[in-house]
Amino acid sequence: MKITIITVCYNSAATLEKTILSVANQTYKNIEYIVVDGNSNEGTLELIKKHEDKISKWISEPDHGLYDAMNKGLALATGDLIGILNSDDTFYSSTVIAEIA
């Protein structure tokens, strides 16, 4: 089963790296990870590019708020199960997705 995790962000350079690594460090490997950035201007885009190898798809463009960004992520998603992980959140362990898959 493919699991899609979507993270939406805007000016989240201070917290996004922990979120990305939390997804990347999952023991379950059939994960599609999508990051939707609202055209940040303080280093978020550079952080996304730094971890591009851990992200399946990403976009950075203006949006009309949180729910518009989530809908953009959902439109890109191809997983059997879709979850949202906010840009300042992390999974509590590296086996969270394996436990639900």
PDB file of N, CA and C in Angstrom:
ATOM      1  N   MET A   1       0.848  -1.168   0.000  1.00  0.00           N
ATOM      2  CA  MET A   1       0.000   0.000   0.000  1.00  0.00           C
ATOM      3  C   MET A   1       0.899   1.239   0.000  1.00  0.00           C
ATOM      4  N   LYS A   2       0.559   2.185  -0.872  1.00  0.00           N
ATOM      5  CA  LYS A   2       1.297   3.448  -0.909  1.00  0.00           C
ATOM      6  C   LYS A   2       0.626   4.443   0.034  1.00  0.00           C
ATOM      7  N   ILE A   3       1.439   5.052   0.888  1.00  0.00           N
ATOM      8  CA  ILE A   3       0.978   6.074   1.818  1.00  0.00           C
ATOM      9  C   ILE A   3       1.491   7.428   1.331  1.00  0.00           C
ATOM     10  N   THR A   4       0.601   8.392   1.198  1.00  0.00           N
ATOM     11  CA  THR A   4       0.993   9.750   0.853  1.00  0.00           C
ATOM     12  C   THR A   4       0.943  10.607   2.102  1.00  0.00           C
ATOM     13  N   ILE A   5       2.020  11.325   2.341  1.00  0.00           N
ATOM     14  CA  ILE A   5       2.065  12.313   3.416  1.00  0.00           C
ATOM     15  C   ILE A   5       2.234  13.687   2.762  1.00  0.00           C
ATOM     16  N   ILE A   6       1.376  14.621   3.147  1.00  0.00           N
ATOM     17  CA  ILE A   6       1.411  15.972   2.602  1.00  0.00           C
ATOM     18  C   ILE A   6       1.771  16.946   3.718  1.00  0.00           C
ATOM     19  N   THR A   7       2.742  17.791   3.433  1.00  0.00           N
ATOM     20  CA  THR A   7       3.093  18.881   4.349  1.00  0.00           C
ATOM     21  C   THR A   7       2.911  20.189   3.605  1.00  0.00           C
ATOM     22  N   VAL A   8       2.091  21.071   4.166  1.00  0.00           N
ATOM     23  CA  VAL A   8       1.947  22.412   3.611  1.00  0.00           C
ATOM     24  C   VAL A   8       2.702  23.373   4.523  1.00  0.00           C
ATOM     25  N   CYS A   9       3.291  24.375   3.918  1.00  0.00           N
ATOM     26  CA  CYS A   9       4.108  25.281   4.724  1.00  0.00           C
ATOM     27  C   CYS A   9       4.153  26.668   4.117  1.00  0.00           C
ATOM     28  N   TYR A  10       4.513  27.608   4.960  1.00  0.00           N
ATOM     29  CA  TYR A  10       4.799  28.970   4.533  1.00  0.00           C
ATOM     30  C   TYR A  10       5.749  29.570   5.569  1.00  0.00           C
ATOM     31  N   ASN A  11       6.904  29.998   5.110  1.00  0.00           N
ATOM     32  CA  ASN A  11       7.922  30.563   5.988  1.00  0.00           C
ATOM     33  C   ASN A  11       8.174  29.653   7.201  1.00  0.00           C
ATOM     34  N   SER A  12       8.499  28.403   6.917  1.00  0.00           N
ATOM     35  CA  SER A  12       8.667  27.384   7.950  1.00  0.00           C
ATOM     36  C   SER A  12      10.096  26.875   8.073  1.00  0.00           C
ATOM     37  N   ALA A  13      11.066  27.674   7.686  1.00  0.00           N
ATOM     38  CA  ALA A  13      12.454  27.214   7.708  1.00  0.00           C
ATOM     39  C   ALA A  13      12.902  26.769   9.096  1.00  0.00           C
ATOM     40  N   ALA A  14      12.356  27.354  10.135  1.00  0.00           N
ATOM     41  CA  ALA A  14      12.777  27.020  11.494  1.00  0.00           C
ATOM     42  C   ALA A  14      12.364  25.619  11.919  1.00  0.00           C
ATOM     43  N   THR A  15      11.314  25.065  11.313  1.00  0.00           N
ATOM     44  CA  THR A  15      10.782  23.776  11.778  1.00  0.00           C
ATOM     45  C   THR A  15      10.682  22.701  10.703  1.00  0.00           C
ATOM     46  N   LEU A  16      10.697  23.087   9.449  1.00  0.00           N
ATOM     47  CA  LEU A  16      10.414  22.141   8.363  1.00  0.00           C
ATOM     48  C   LEU A  16      11.429  21.010   8.263  1.00  0.00           C
ATOM     49  N   GLU A  17      12.682  21.264   8.545  1.00  0.00           N
ATOM     50  CA  GLU A  17      13.692  20.209   8.396  1.00  0.00           C
ATOM     51  C   GLU A  17      13.379  19.015   9.296  1.00  0.00           C
ATOM     52  N   LYS A  18      12.972  19.262  10.532  1.00  0.00           N
ATOM     53  CA  LYS A  18      12.612  18.157  11.432  1.00  0.00           C
ATOM     54  C   LYS A  18      11.427  17.367  10.887  1.00  0.00           C
ATOM     55  N   THR A  19      10.489  18.070  10.284  1.00  0.00           N
ATOM     56  CA  THR A  19       9.327  17.403   9.698  1.00  0.00           C
ATOM     57  C   THR A  19       9.749  16.517   8.535  1.00  0.00           C
ATOM     58  N   ILE A  20      10.559  17.046   7.635  1.00  0.00           N
ATOM     59  CA  ILE A  20      11.033  16.268   6.485  1.00  0.00           C
ATOM     60  C   ILE A  20      11.790  15.031   6.950  1.00  0.00           C
ATOM     61  N   LEU A  21      12.678  15.192   7.909  1.00  0.00           N
ATOM     62  CA  LEU A  21      13.465  14.055   8.400  1.00  0.00           C
ATOM     63  C   LEU A  21      12.596  13.045   9.127  1.00  0.00           C
ATOM     64  N   SER A  22      11.543  13.503   9.773  1.00  0.00           N
ATOM     65  CA  SER A  22      10.615  12.598  10.437  1.00  0.00           C
ATOM     66  C   SER A  22       9.938  11.669   9.429  1.00  0.00           C
ATOM     67  N   VAL A  23       9.601  12.199   8.269  1.00  0.00           N
ATOM     68  CA  VAL A  23       9.008  11.375   7.209  1.00  0.00           C
ATOM     69  C   VAL A  23      10.079  10.480   6.585  1.00  0.00           C
ATOM     70  N   ALA A  24      11.228  11.048   6.296  1.00  0.00           N
ATOM     71  CA  ALA A  24      12.310  10.294   5.637  1.00  0.00           C
ATOM     72  C   ALA A  24      12.803   9.130   6.491  1.00  0.00           C
ATOM     73  N   ASN A  25      12.725   9.253   7.805  1.00  0.00           N
ATOM     74  CA  ASN A  25      13.239   8.220   8.701  1.00  0.00           C
ATOM     75  C   ASN A  25      12.229   7.135   9.042  1.00  0.00           C
ATOM     76  N   GLN A  26      11.084   7.150   8.399  1.00  0.00           N
ATOM     77  CA  GLN A  26      10.101   6.101   8.638  1.00  0.00           C
ATOM     78  C   GLN A  26      10.628   4.757   8.127  1.00  0.00           C
ATOM     79  N   THR A  27      10.354   3.694   8.855  1.00  0.00           N
ATOM     80  CA  THR A  27      10.807   2.367   8.435  1.00  0.00           C
ATOM     81  C   THR A  27       9.990   1.856   7.255  1.00  0.00           C
ATOM     82  N   TYR A  28       8.750   2.283   7.141  1.00  0.00           N
ATOM     83  CA  TYR A  28       7.907   1.929   5.996  1.00  0.00           C
ATOM     84  C   TYR A  28       8.401   2.726   4.799  1.00  0.00           C
ATOM     85  N   LYS A  29       8.652   2.078   3.693  1.00  0.00           N
ATOM     86  CA  LYS A  29       9.323   2.755   2.577  1.00  0.00           C
ATOM     87  C   LYS A  29       8.428   3.128   1.403  1.00  0.00           C
ATOM     88  N   ASN A  30       7.197   2.618   1.336  1.00  0.00           N
ATOM     89  CA  ASN A  30       6.336   2.962   0.200  1.00  0.00           C
ATOM     90  C   ASN A  30       5.556   4.240   0.528  1.00  0.00           C
ATOM     91  N   ILE A  31       6.328   5.321   0.696  1.00  0.00           N
ATOM     92  CA  ILE A  31       5.767   6.621   1.067  1.00  0.00           C
ATOM     93  C   ILE A  31       5.986   7.604  -0.071  1.00  0.00           C
ATOM     94  N   GLU A  32       4.921   8.276  -0.418  1.00  0.00           N
ATOM     95  CA  GLU A  32       4.992   9.406  -1.333  1.00  0.00           C
ATOM     96  C   GLU A  32       4.911  10.656  -0.451  1.00  0.00           C
ATOM     97  N   TYR A  33       5.933  11.478  -0.507  1.00  0.00           N
ATOM     98  CA  TYR A  33       5.969  12.674   0.350  1.00  0.00           C
ATOM     99  C   TYR A  33       5.852  13.923  -0.509  1.00  0.00           C
ATOM    100  N   ILE A  34       4.831  14.712  -0.234  1.00  0.00           N
ATOM    101  CA  ILE A  34       4.539  15.917  -1.001  1.00  0.00           C
ATOM    102  C   ILE A  34       4.648  17.126  -0.081  1.00  0.00           C
ATOM    103  N   VAL A  35       5.395  18.136  -0.528  1.00  0.00           N
ATOM    104  CA  VAL A  35       5.510  19.383   0.216  1.00  0.00           C
ATOM    105  C   VAL A  35       4.948  20.499  -0.653  1.00  0.00           C
ATOM    106  N   VAL A  36       4.016  21.252  -0.089  1.00  0.00           N
ATOM    107  CA  VAL A  36       3.400  22.384  -0.787  1.00  0.00           C
ATOM    108  C   VAL A  36       3.761  23.651  -0.013  1.00  0.00           C
ATOM    109  N   ASP A  37       4.579  24.477  -0.631  1.00  0.00           N
ATOM    110  CA  ASP A  37       5.037  25.721  -0.016  1.00  0.00           C
ATOM    111  C   ASP A  37       4.294  26.899  -0.638  1.00  0.00           C
ATOM    112  N   GLY A  38       3.885  27.829   0.191  1.00  0.00           N
ATOM    113  CA  GLY A  38       3.121  28.987  -0.275  1.00  0.00           C
ATOM    114  C   GLY A  38       3.968  30.152  -0.736  1.00  0.00           C
ATOM    115  N   ASN A  39       5.099  29.859  -1.376  1.00  0.00           N
ATOM    116  CA  ASN A  39       6.001  30.887  -1.907  1.00  0.00           C
ATOM    117  C   ASN A  39       6.726  31.621  -0.776  1.00  0.00           C
ATOM    118  N   SER A  40       7.298  30.849   0.121  1.00  0.00           N
ATOM    119  CA  SER A  40       8.026  31.404   1.266  1.00  0.00           C
ATOM    120  C   SER A  40       9.177  32.296   0.820  1.00  0.00           C
ATOM    121  N   ASN A  41       9.580  33.169   1.729  1.00  0.00           N
ATOM    122  CA  ASN A  41      10.636  34.118   1.387  1.00  0.00           C
ATOM    123  C   ASN A  41      11.743  34.203   2.445  1.00  0.00           C
ATOM    124  N   GLU A  42      11.880  33.162   3.303  1.00  0.00           N
ATOM    125  CA  GLU A  42      12.872  33.255   4.364  1.00  0.00           C
ATOM    126  C   GLU A  42      13.740  32.009   4.512  1.00  0.00           C
ATOM    127  N   GLY A  43      13.895  31.243   3.448  1.00  0.00           N
ATOM    128  CA  GLY A  43      14.779  30.088   3.502  1.00  0.00           C
ATOM    129  C   GLY A  43      14.091  28.745   3.395  1.00  0.00           C
ATOM    130  N   THR A  44      12.773  28.717   3.430  1.00  0.00           N
ATOM    131  CA  THR A  44      12.048  27.449   3.327  1.00  0.00           C
ATOM    132  C   THR A  44      12.341  26.752   2.005  1.00  0.00           C
ATOM    133  N   LEU A  45      12.321  27.489   0.913  1.00  0.00           N
ATOM    134  CA  LEU A  45      12.551  26.890  -0.400  1.00  0.00           C
ATOM    135  C   LEU A  45      13.948  26.277  -0.480  1.00  0.00           C
ATOM    136  N   GLU A  46      14.931  26.936   0.065  1.00  0.00           N
ATOM    137  CA  GLU A  46      16.293  26.397   0.065  1.00  0.00           C
ATOM    138  C   GLU A  46      16.359  25.099   0.869  1.00  0.00           C
ATOM    139  N   LEU A  47      15.612  25.043   1.959  1.00  0.00           N
ATOM    140  CA  LEU A  47      15.559  23.836   2.784  1.00  0.00           C
ATOM    141  C   LEU A  47      14.894  22.689   2.023  1.00  0.00           C
ATOM    142  N   ILE A  48      13.830  22.990   1.308  1.00  0.00           N
ATOM    143  CA  ILE A  48      13.160  21.971   0.490  1.00  0.00           C
ATOM    144  C   ILE A  48      14.138  21.431  -0.553  1.00  0.00           C
ATOM    145  N   LYS A  49      14.838  22.321  -1.217  1.00  0.00           N
ATOM    146  CA  LYS A  49      15.801  21.895  -2.241  1.00  0.00           C
ATOM    147  C   LYS A  49      16.940  21.080  -1.626  1.00  0.00           C
ATOM    148  N   LYS A  50      17.360  21.423  -0.424  1.00  0.00           N
ATOM    149  CA  LYS A  50      18.412  20.676   0.273  1.00  0.00           C
ATOM    150  C   LYS A  50      18.004  19.224   0.496  1.00  0.00           C
ATOM    151  N   HIS A  51      16.721  19.000   0.747  1.00  0.00           N
ATOM    152  CA  HIS A  51      16.206  17.662   1.038  1.00  0.00           C
ATOM    153  C   HIS A  51      15.358  17.097  -0.104  1.00  0.00           C
ATOM    154  N   GLU A  52      15.589  17.598  -1.297  1.00  0.00           N
ATOM    155  CA  GLU A  52      14.803  17.183  -2.467  1.00  0.00           C
ATOM    156  C   GLU A  52      14.825  15.666  -2.678  1.00  0.00           C
ATOM    157  N   ASP A  53      15.907  15.014  -2.299  1.00  0.00           N
ATOM    158  CA  ASP A  53      16.017  13.568  -2.469  1.00  0.00           C
ATOM    159  C   ASP A  53      15.082  12.799  -1.537  1.00  0.00           C
ATOM    160  N   LYS A  54      14.519  13.455  -0.541  1.00  0.00           N
ATOM    161  CA  LYS A  54      13.612  12.819   0.418  1.00  0.00           C
ATOM    162  C   LYS A  54      12.152  13.155   0.127  1.00  0.00           C
ATOM    163  N   ILE A  55      11.923  13.996  -0.868  1.00  0.00           N
ATOM    164  CA  ILE A  55      10.589  14.492  -1.196  1.00  0.00           C
ATOM    165  C   ILE A  55      10.203  13.989  -2.581  1.00  0.00           C
ATOM    166  N   SER A  56       9.035  13.371  -2.677  1.00  0.00           N
ATOM    167  CA  SER A  56       8.575  12.832  -3.962  1.00  0.00           C
ATOM    168  C   SER A  56       8.179  13.942  -4.931  1.00  0.00           C
ATOM    169  N   LYS A  57       7.420  14.915  -4.426  1.00  0.00           N
ATOM    170  CA  LYS A  57       6.942  16.023  -5.247  1.00  0.00           C
ATOM    171  C   LYS A  57       6.886  17.253  -4.364  1.00  0.00           C
ATOM    172  N   TRP A  58       7.203  18.402  -4.938  1.00  0.00           N
ATOM    173  CA  TRP A  58       7.033  19.643  -4.202  1.00  0.00           C
ATOM    174  C   TRP A  58       6.691  20.769  -5.151  1.00  0.00           C
ATOM    175  N   ILE A  59       5.978  21.728  -4.622  1.00  0.00           N
ATOM    176  CA  ILE A  59       5.684  22.945  -5.373  1.00  0.00           C
ATOM    177  C   ILE A  59       5.862  24.123  -4.430  1.00  0.00           C
ATOM    178  N   SER A  60       6.223  25.263  -4.991  1.00  0.00           N
ATOM    179  CA  SER A  60       6.329  26.507  -4.238  1.00  0.00           C
ATOM    180  C   SER A  60       5.714  27.595  -5.097  1.00  0.00           C
ATOM    181  N   GLU A  61       4.543  28.051  -4.673  1.00  0.00           N
ATOM    182  CA  GLU A  61       3.819  29.074  -5.408  1.00  0.00           C
ATOM    183  C   GLU A  61       2.802  29.717  -4.479  1.00  0.00           C
ATOM    184  N   PRO A  62       2.383  30.922  -4.789  1.00  0.00           N
ATOM    185  CA  PRO A  62       1.371  31.565  -3.941  1.00  0.00           C
ATOM    186  C   PRO A  62       0.098  30.717  -3.896  1.00  0.00           C
ATOM    187  N   ASP A  63      -0.565  30.763  -2.760  1.00  0.00           N
ATOM    188  CA  ASP A  63      -1.848  30.068  -2.635  1.00  0.00           C
ATOM    189  C   ASP A  63      -2.820  30.990  -1.901  1.00  0.00           C
ATOM    190  N   HIS A  64      -4.002  30.472  -1.671  1.00  0.00           N
ATOM    191  CA  HIS A  64      -5.048  31.252  -1.010  1.00  0.00           C
ATOM    192  C   HIS A  64      -5.283  30.738   0.404  1.00  0.00           C
ATOM    193  N   GLY A  65      -4.207  30.352   1.060  1.00  0.00           N
ATOM    194  CA  GLY A  65      -4.318  29.911   2.441  1.00  0.00           C
ATOM    195  C   GLY A  65      -4.115  28.418   2.613  1.00  0.00           C
ATOM    196  N   LEU A  66      -4.195  27.996   3.861  1.00  0.00           N
ATOM    197  CA  LEU A  66      -3.914  26.628   4.275  1.00  0.00           C
ATOM    198  C   LEU A  66      -4.710  25.587   3.497  1.00  0.00           C
ATOM    199  N   TYR A  67      -6.000  25.786   3.369  1.00  0.00           N
ATOM    200  CA  TYR A  67      -6.835  24.761   2.740  1.00  0.00           C
ATOM    201  C   TYR A  67      -6.630  24.698   1.229  1.00  0.00           C
ATOM    202  N   ASP A  68      -6.335  25.814   0.621  1.00  0.00           N
ATOM    203  CA  ASP A  68      -5.977  25.812  -0.794  1.00  0.00           C
ATOM    204  C   ASP A  68      -4.697  25.011  -0.988  1.00  0.00           C
ATOM    205  N   ALA A  69      -3.720  25.227  -0.116  1.00  0.00           N
ATOM    206  CA  ALA A  69      -2.463  24.481  -0.202  1.00  0.00           C
ATOM    207  C   ALA A  69      -2.694  22.988   0.004  1.00  0.00           C
ATOM    208  N   MET A  70      -3.530  22.620   0.976  1.00  0.00           N
ATOM    209  CA  MET A  70      -3.846  21.200   1.197  1.00  0.00           C
ATOM    210  C   MET A  70      -4.498  20.593  -0.041  1.00  0.00           C
ATOM    211  N   ASN A  71      -5.407  21.336  -0.661  1.00  0.00           N
ATOM    212  CA  ASN A  71      -6.063  20.834  -1.867  1.00  0.00           C
ATOM    213  C   ASN A  71      -5.073  20.649  -3.015  1.00  0.00           C
ATOM    214  N   LYS A  72      -4.068  21.516  -3.108  1.00  0.00           N
ATOM    215  CA  LYS A  72      -3.024  21.339  -4.121  1.00  0.00           C
ATOM    216  C   LYS A  72      -2.270  20.043  -3.861  1.00  0.00           C
ATOM    217  N   GLY A  73      -1.957  19.772  -2.602  1.00  0.00           N
ATOM    218  CA  GLY A  73      -1.285  18.528  -2.252  1.00  0.00           C
ATOM    219  C   GLY A  73      -2.139  17.310  -2.556  1.00  0.00           C
ATOM    220  N   LEU A  74      -3.405  17.388  -2.236  1.00  0.00           N
ATOM    221  CA  LEU A  74      -4.319  16.274  -2.521  1.00  0.00           C
ATOM    222  C   LEU A  74      -4.413  16.008  -4.021  1.00  0.00           C
ATOM    223  N   ALA A  75      -4.378  17.047  -4.825  1.00  0.00           N
ATOM    224  CA  ALA A  75      -4.442  16.887  -6.280  1.00  0.00           C
ATOM    225  C   ALA A  75      -3.209  16.156  -6.813  1.00  0.00           C
ATOM    226  N   LEU A  76      -2.080  16.288  -6.131  1.00  0.00           N
ATOM    227  CA  LEU A  76      -0.847  15.607  -6.550  1.00  0.00           C
ATOM    228  C   LEU A  76      -0.735  14.189  -6.000  1.00  0.00           C
ATOM    229  N   ALA A  77      -1.496  13.869  -4.985  1.00  0.00           N
ATOM    230  CA  ALA A  77      -1.353  12.601  -4.267  1.00  0.00           C
ATOM    231  C   ALA A  77      -1.828  11.405  -5.094  1.00  0.00           C
ATOM    232  N   THR A  78      -1.080  10.313  -4.986  1.00  0.00           N
ATOM    233  CA  THR A  78      -1.456   9.071  -5.660  1.00  0.00           C
ATOM    234  C   THR A  78      -1.509   7.885  -4.705  1.00  0.00           C
ATOM    235  N   GLY A  79      -1.414   8.143  -3.419  1.00  0.00           N
ATOM    236  CA  GLY A  79      -1.384   7.068  -2.437  1.00  0.00           C
ATOM    237  C   GLY A  79      -2.744   6.447  -2.176  1.00  0.00           C
ATOM    238  N   ASP A  80      -2.720   5.257  -1.572  1.00  0.00           N
ATOM    239  CA  ASP A  80      -3.942   4.569  -1.166  1.00  0.00           C
ATOM    240  C   ASP A  80      -4.512   5.176   0.116  1.00  0.00           C
ATOM    241  N   LEU A  81      -3.625   5.724   0.921  1.00  0.00           N
ATOM    242  CA  LEU A  81      -3.992   6.380   2.170  1.00  0.00           C
ATOM    243  C   LEU A  81      -3.234   7.701   2.210  1.00  0.00           C
ATOM    244  N   ILE A  82      -3.931   8.773   2.603  1.00  0.00           N
ATOM    245  CA  ILE A  82      -3.319  10.104   2.578  1.00  0.00           C
ATOM    246  C   ILE A  82      -3.374  10.700   3.979  1.00  0.00           C
ATOM    247  N   GLY A  83      -2.240  11.261   4.406  1.00  0.00           N
ATOM    248  CA  GLY A  83      -2.172  11.928   5.699  1.00  0.00           C
ATOM    249  C   GLY A  83      -1.559  13.303   5.551  1.00  0.00           C
ATOM    250  N   ILE A  84      -1.885  14.168   6.510  1.00  0.00           N
ATOM    251  CA  ILE A  84      -1.340  15.517   6.551  1.00  0.00           C
ATOM    252  C   ILE A  84      -0.418  15.605   7.775  1.00  0.00           C
ATOM    253  N   LEU A  85       0.793  16.075   7.562  1.00  0.00           N
ATOM    254  CA  LEU A  85       1.729  16.325   8.658  1.00  0.00           C
ATOM    255  C   LEU A  85       2.153  17.787   8.557  1.00  0.00           C
ATOM    256  N   ASN A  86       1.750  18.585   9.507  1.00  0.00           N
ATOM    257  CA  ASN A  86       2.035  20.021   9.461  1.00  0.00           C
ATOM    258  C   ASN A  86       3.535  20.295   9.529  1.00  0.00           C
ATOM    259  N   SER A  87       3.921  21.474   9.084  1.00  0.00           N
ATOM    260  CA  SER A  87       5.338  21.793   8.923  1.00  0.00           C
ATOM    261  C   SER A  87       6.077  22.032  10.226  1.00  0.00           C
ATOM    262  N   ASP A  88       5.395  21.996  11.334  1.00  0.00           N
ATOM    263  CA  ASP A  88       6.083  22.084  12.621  1.00  0.00           C
ATOM    264  C   ASP A  88       5.811  20.848  13.480  1.00  0.00           C
ATOM    265  N   ASP A  89       5.368  19.760  12.837  1.00  0.00           N
ATOM    266  CA  ASP A  89       5.088  18.500  13.530  1.00  0.00           C
ATOM    267  C   ASP A  89       6.053  17.414  13.090  1.00  0.00           C
ATOM    268  N   THR A  90       6.138  16.372  13.887  1.00  0.00           N
ATOM    269  CA  THR A  90       6.928  15.190  13.554  1.00  0.00           C
ATOM    270  C   THR A  90       6.163  13.952  13.994  1.00  0.00           C
ATOM    271  N   PHE A  91       6.499  12.814  13.404  1.00  0.00           N
ATOM    272  CA  PHE A  91       5.954  11.547  13.878  1.00  0.00           C
ATOM    273  C   PHE A  91       6.630  11.197  15.195  1.00  0.00           C
ATOM    274  N   TYR A  92       5.904  10.566  16.105  1.00  0.00           N
ATOM    275  CA  TYR A  92       6.477  10.282  17.416  1.00  0.00           C
ATOM    276  C   TYR A  92       7.492   9.158  17.405  1.00  0.00           C
ATOM    277  N   SER A  93       7.516   8.373  16.337  1.00  0.00           N
ATOM    278  CA  SER A  93       8.547   7.338  16.191  1.00  0.00           C
ATOM    279  C   SER A  93       8.743   7.037  14.711  1.00  0.00           C
ATOM    280  N   SER A  94       9.794   6.300  14.405  1.00  0.00           N
ATOM    281  CA  SER A  94      10.090   5.960  13.016  1.00  0.00           C
ATOM    282  C   SER A  94       9.241   4.817  12.486  1.00  0.00           C
ATOM    283  N   THR A  95       8.376   4.261  13.317  1.00  0.00           N
ATOM    284  CA  THR A  95       7.545   3.134  12.897  1.00  0.00           C
ATOM    285  C   THR A  95       6.059   3.472  12.802  1.00  0.00           C
ATOM    286  N   VAL A  96       5.704   4.736  12.947  1.00  0.00           N
ATOM    287  CA  VAL A  96       4.297   5.138  12.941  1.00  0.00           C
ATOM    288  C   VAL A  96       3.582   4.658  11.686  1.00  0.00           C
ATOM    289  N   ILE A  97       4.136   4.920  10.529  1.00  0.00           N
ATOM    290  CA  ILE A  97       3.447   4.549   9.293  1.00  0.00           C
ATOM    291  C   ILE A  97       3.424   3.031   9.128  1.00  0.00           C
ATOM    292  N   ALA A  98       4.486   2.360   9.489  1.00  0.00           N
ATOM    293  CA  ALA A  98       4.508   0.888   9.406  1.00  0.00           C
ATOM    294  C   ALA A  98       3.406   0.285  10.283  1.00  0.00           C
ATOM    295  N   GLU A  99       3.116   0.902  11.391  1.00  0.00           N
ATOM    296  CA  GLU A  99       2.097   0.390  12.301  1.00  0.00           C
ATOM    297  C   GLU A  99       0.697   0.508  11.720  1.00  0.00           C
ATOM    298  N   ILE A 100       0.455   1.451  10.818  1.00  0.00           N
ATOM    299  CA  ILE A 100      -0.892   1.621  10.255  1.00  0.00           C
ATOM    300  C   ILE A 100      -1.021   0.986   8.871  1.00  0.00           C
ATOM    301  N   ALA A 101       0.097   0.705   8.235  1.00  0.00           N
ATOM    302  CA  ALA A 101       0.054   0.205   6.853  1.00  0.00           C
ATOM    303  C   ALA A 101      -0.276  -1.277   6.799  1.00  0.00           C
TER     304      ALA A 101
END
